[in-house]
Structure formats: C-alpha cells, structure tokens
Amino acid sequence: MLSHLVDEAAKKIQNVPFLVNIVSKRVRQLTAGHRPMIEVTPKMGFADIALQEIIEGKLNYELKPVVEEQE
C-alpha cells in the first residue's frame, strides 16, 4: 500500500476508522471478483485500488450518525 494514497484518501475521509472500514470492504469486493472502477497498473494491490477509487470519488459511502439506545 502506497503511503501517499493513504494521505490523499484521508483528506477525503477524515474519520480514520471509517476509512479503514471502507477500504477493507472494497478490498473484499475486489478479491471476490468485482471490477475496479479506475484504470489499474500491474503493480497496484487491492488496497491501492480502493484508496485510489476513494481519491477519485468513485466510491459512494454514507456515514450514519450513531444512535444510542435509551434504557
């Protein structure tokens, strides 16, 4: 995974745990055979692809507010 991609993606999604979840879910999709939404090079790993998709705005995501249960 290229560190500059992580830095650029973190500018798009400032919530680091959420960024990690988005990348890991997309990596699972790519591993399962989903097609990349960007042009890839042979040296790019699945995490690099997911990060680049975030940077280019190709992935849609929604951060839902946490709802606390009341007793």
C-alpha atoms as a PDB file:
ATOM      1  CA  MET A   1       0.000   0.000   0.000  1.00  0.00           C
ATOM      2  CA  LEU A   2       1.390   3.363  -1.003  1.00  0.00           C
ATOM      3  CA  SER A   3       1.527   5.902   1.831  1.00  0.00           C
ATOM      4  CA  HIS A   4       0.748   8.883  -0.396  1.00  0.00           C
ATOM      5  CA  LEU A   5      -2.534   7.200  -1.349  1.00  0.00           C
ATOM      6  CA  VAL A   6      -3.422   6.821   2.324  1.00  0.00           C
ATOM      7  CA  ASP A   7      -2.655  10.505   2.930  1.00  0.00           C
ATOM      8  CA  GLU A   8      -4.770  11.617  -0.040  1.00  0.00           C
ATOM      9  CA  ALA A   9      -7.692   9.340   0.894  1.00  0.00           C
ATOM     10  CA  ALA A  10      -7.544  10.632   4.481  1.00  0.00           C
ATOM     11  CA  LYS A  11      -8.184  14.114   3.097  1.00  0.00           C
ATOM     12  CA  LYS A  12     -11.452  12.799   1.606  1.00  0.00           C
ATOM     13  CA  ILE A  13     -12.493  10.741   4.653  1.00  0.00           C
ATOM     14  CA  GLN A  14     -11.106  12.285   7.837  1.00  0.00           C
ATOM     15  CA  ASN A  15     -12.584   9.604  10.116  1.00  0.00           C
ATOM     16  CA  VAL A  16      -9.712   7.079  10.079  1.00  0.00           C
ATOM     17  CA  PRO A  17     -11.656   4.059  11.436  1.00  0.00           C
ATOM     18  CA  PHE A  18     -14.340   4.704   8.810  1.00  0.00           C
ATOM     19  CA  LEU A  19     -11.683   4.973   6.086  1.00  0.00           C
ATOM     20  CA  VAL A  20     -10.205   1.641   7.178  1.00  0.00           C
ATOM     21  CA  ASN A  21     -13.652   0.017   7.068  1.00  0.00           C
ATOM     22  CA  ILE A  22     -14.405   1.394   3.602  1.00  0.00           C
ATOM     23  CA  VAL A  23     -11.052   0.235   2.225  1.00  0.00           C
ATOM     24  CA  SER A  24     -11.321  -3.239   3.775  1.00  0.00           C
ATOM     25  CA  LYS A  25     -14.865  -3.732   2.471  1.00  0.00           C
ATOM     26  CA  ARG A  26     -13.796  -2.669  -1.023  1.00  0.00           C
ATOM     27  CA  VAL A  27     -10.751  -4.964  -0.875  1.00  0.00           C
ATOM     28  CA  ARG A  28     -13.083  -7.869  -0.050  1.00  0.00           C
ATOM     29  CA  GLN A  29     -15.245  -6.946  -3.053  1.00  0.00           C
ATOM     30  CA  LEU A  30     -12.232  -6.778  -5.374  1.00  0.00           C
ATOM     31  CA  THR A  31     -10.948 -10.098  -4.036  1.00  0.00           C
ATOM     32  CA  ALA A  32     -14.353 -11.635  -4.763  1.00  0.00           C
ATOM     33  CA  GLY A  33     -14.070 -10.564  -8.400  1.00  0.00           C
ATOM     34  CA  HIS A  34     -15.692  -7.123  -8.576  1.00  0.00           C
ATOM     35  CA  ARG A  35     -14.166  -4.918 -11.248  1.00  0.00           C
ATOM     36  CA  PRO A  36     -12.090  -1.864 -10.341  1.00  0.00           C
ATOM     37  CA  MET A  37     -13.725   1.492 -11.086  1.00  0.00           C
ATOM     38  CA  ILE A  38     -10.399   3.034 -12.144  1.00  0.00           C
ATOM     39  CA  GLU A  39      -7.612   2.159 -14.545  1.00  0.00           C
ATOM     40  CA  VAL A  40      -5.151  -0.077 -12.734  1.00  0.00           C
ATOM     41  CA  THR A  41      -1.498  -0.848 -13.252  1.00  0.00           C
ATOM     42  CA  PRO A  42       0.000  -4.301 -12.698  1.00  0.00           C
ATOM     43  CA  LYS A  43       1.798  -3.143  -9.536  1.00  0.00           C
ATOM     44  CA  MET A  44      -1.358  -1.912  -7.785  1.00  0.00           C
ATOM     45  CA  GLY A  45      -2.676  -4.065  -4.972  1.00  0.00           C
ATOM     46  CA  PHE A  46      -6.335  -4.217  -3.983  1.00  0.00           C
ATOM     47  CA  ALA A  47      -5.833  -1.696  -1.162  1.00  0.00           C
ATOM     48  CA  ASP A  48      -4.136   0.720  -3.583  1.00  0.00           C
ATOM     49  CA  ILE A  49      -7.077   0.374  -5.958  1.00  0.00           C
ATOM     50  CA  ALA A  50      -9.595   1.009  -3.171  1.00  0.00           C
ATOM     51  CA  LEU A  51      -7.696   4.079  -1.972  1.00  0.00           C
ATOM     52  CA  GLN A  52      -7.410   5.478  -5.498  1.00  0.00           C
ATOM     53  CA  GLU A  53     -11.147   4.933  -6.013  1.00  0.00           C
ATOM     54  CA  ILE A  54     -11.791   6.986  -2.870  1.00  0.00           C
ATOM     55  CA  ILE A  55      -9.413   9.730  -4.019  1.00  0.00           C
ATOM     56  CA  GLU A  56     -11.110   9.930  -7.423  1.00  0.00           C
ATOM     57  CA  GLY A  57     -14.579   9.968  -5.851  1.00  0.00           C
ATOM     58  CA  LYS A  58     -15.633   6.678  -7.450  1.00  0.00           C
ATOM     59  CA  LEU A  59     -16.871   5.054  -4.220  1.00  0.00           C
ATOM     60  CA  ASN A  60     -20.165   6.091  -2.681  1.00  0.00           C
ATOM     61  CA  TYR A  61     -20.391   5.882   1.086  1.00  0.00           C
ATOM     62  CA  GLU A  62     -22.541   7.264   3.854  1.00  0.00           C
ATOM     63  CA  LEU A  63     -21.565   7.925   7.439  1.00  0.00           C
ATOM     64  CA  LYS A  64     -24.687   7.420   9.500  1.00  0.00           C
ATOM     65  CA  PRO A  65     -24.995   9.048  12.922  1.00  0.00           C
ATOM     66  CA  VAL A  66     -24.633   6.790  15.923  1.00  0.00           C
ATOM     67  CA  VAL A  67     -27.945   6.293  17.701  1.00  0.00           C
ATOM     68  CA  GLU A  68     -27.575   5.487  21.367  1.00  0.00           C
ATOM     69  CA  GLU A  69     -30.081   3.126  22.934  1.00  0.00           C
ATOM     70  CA  GLN A  70     -32.087   4.533  25.788  1.00  0.00           C
ATOM     71  CA  GLU A  71     -32.756   2.468  28.865  1.00  0.00           C
END
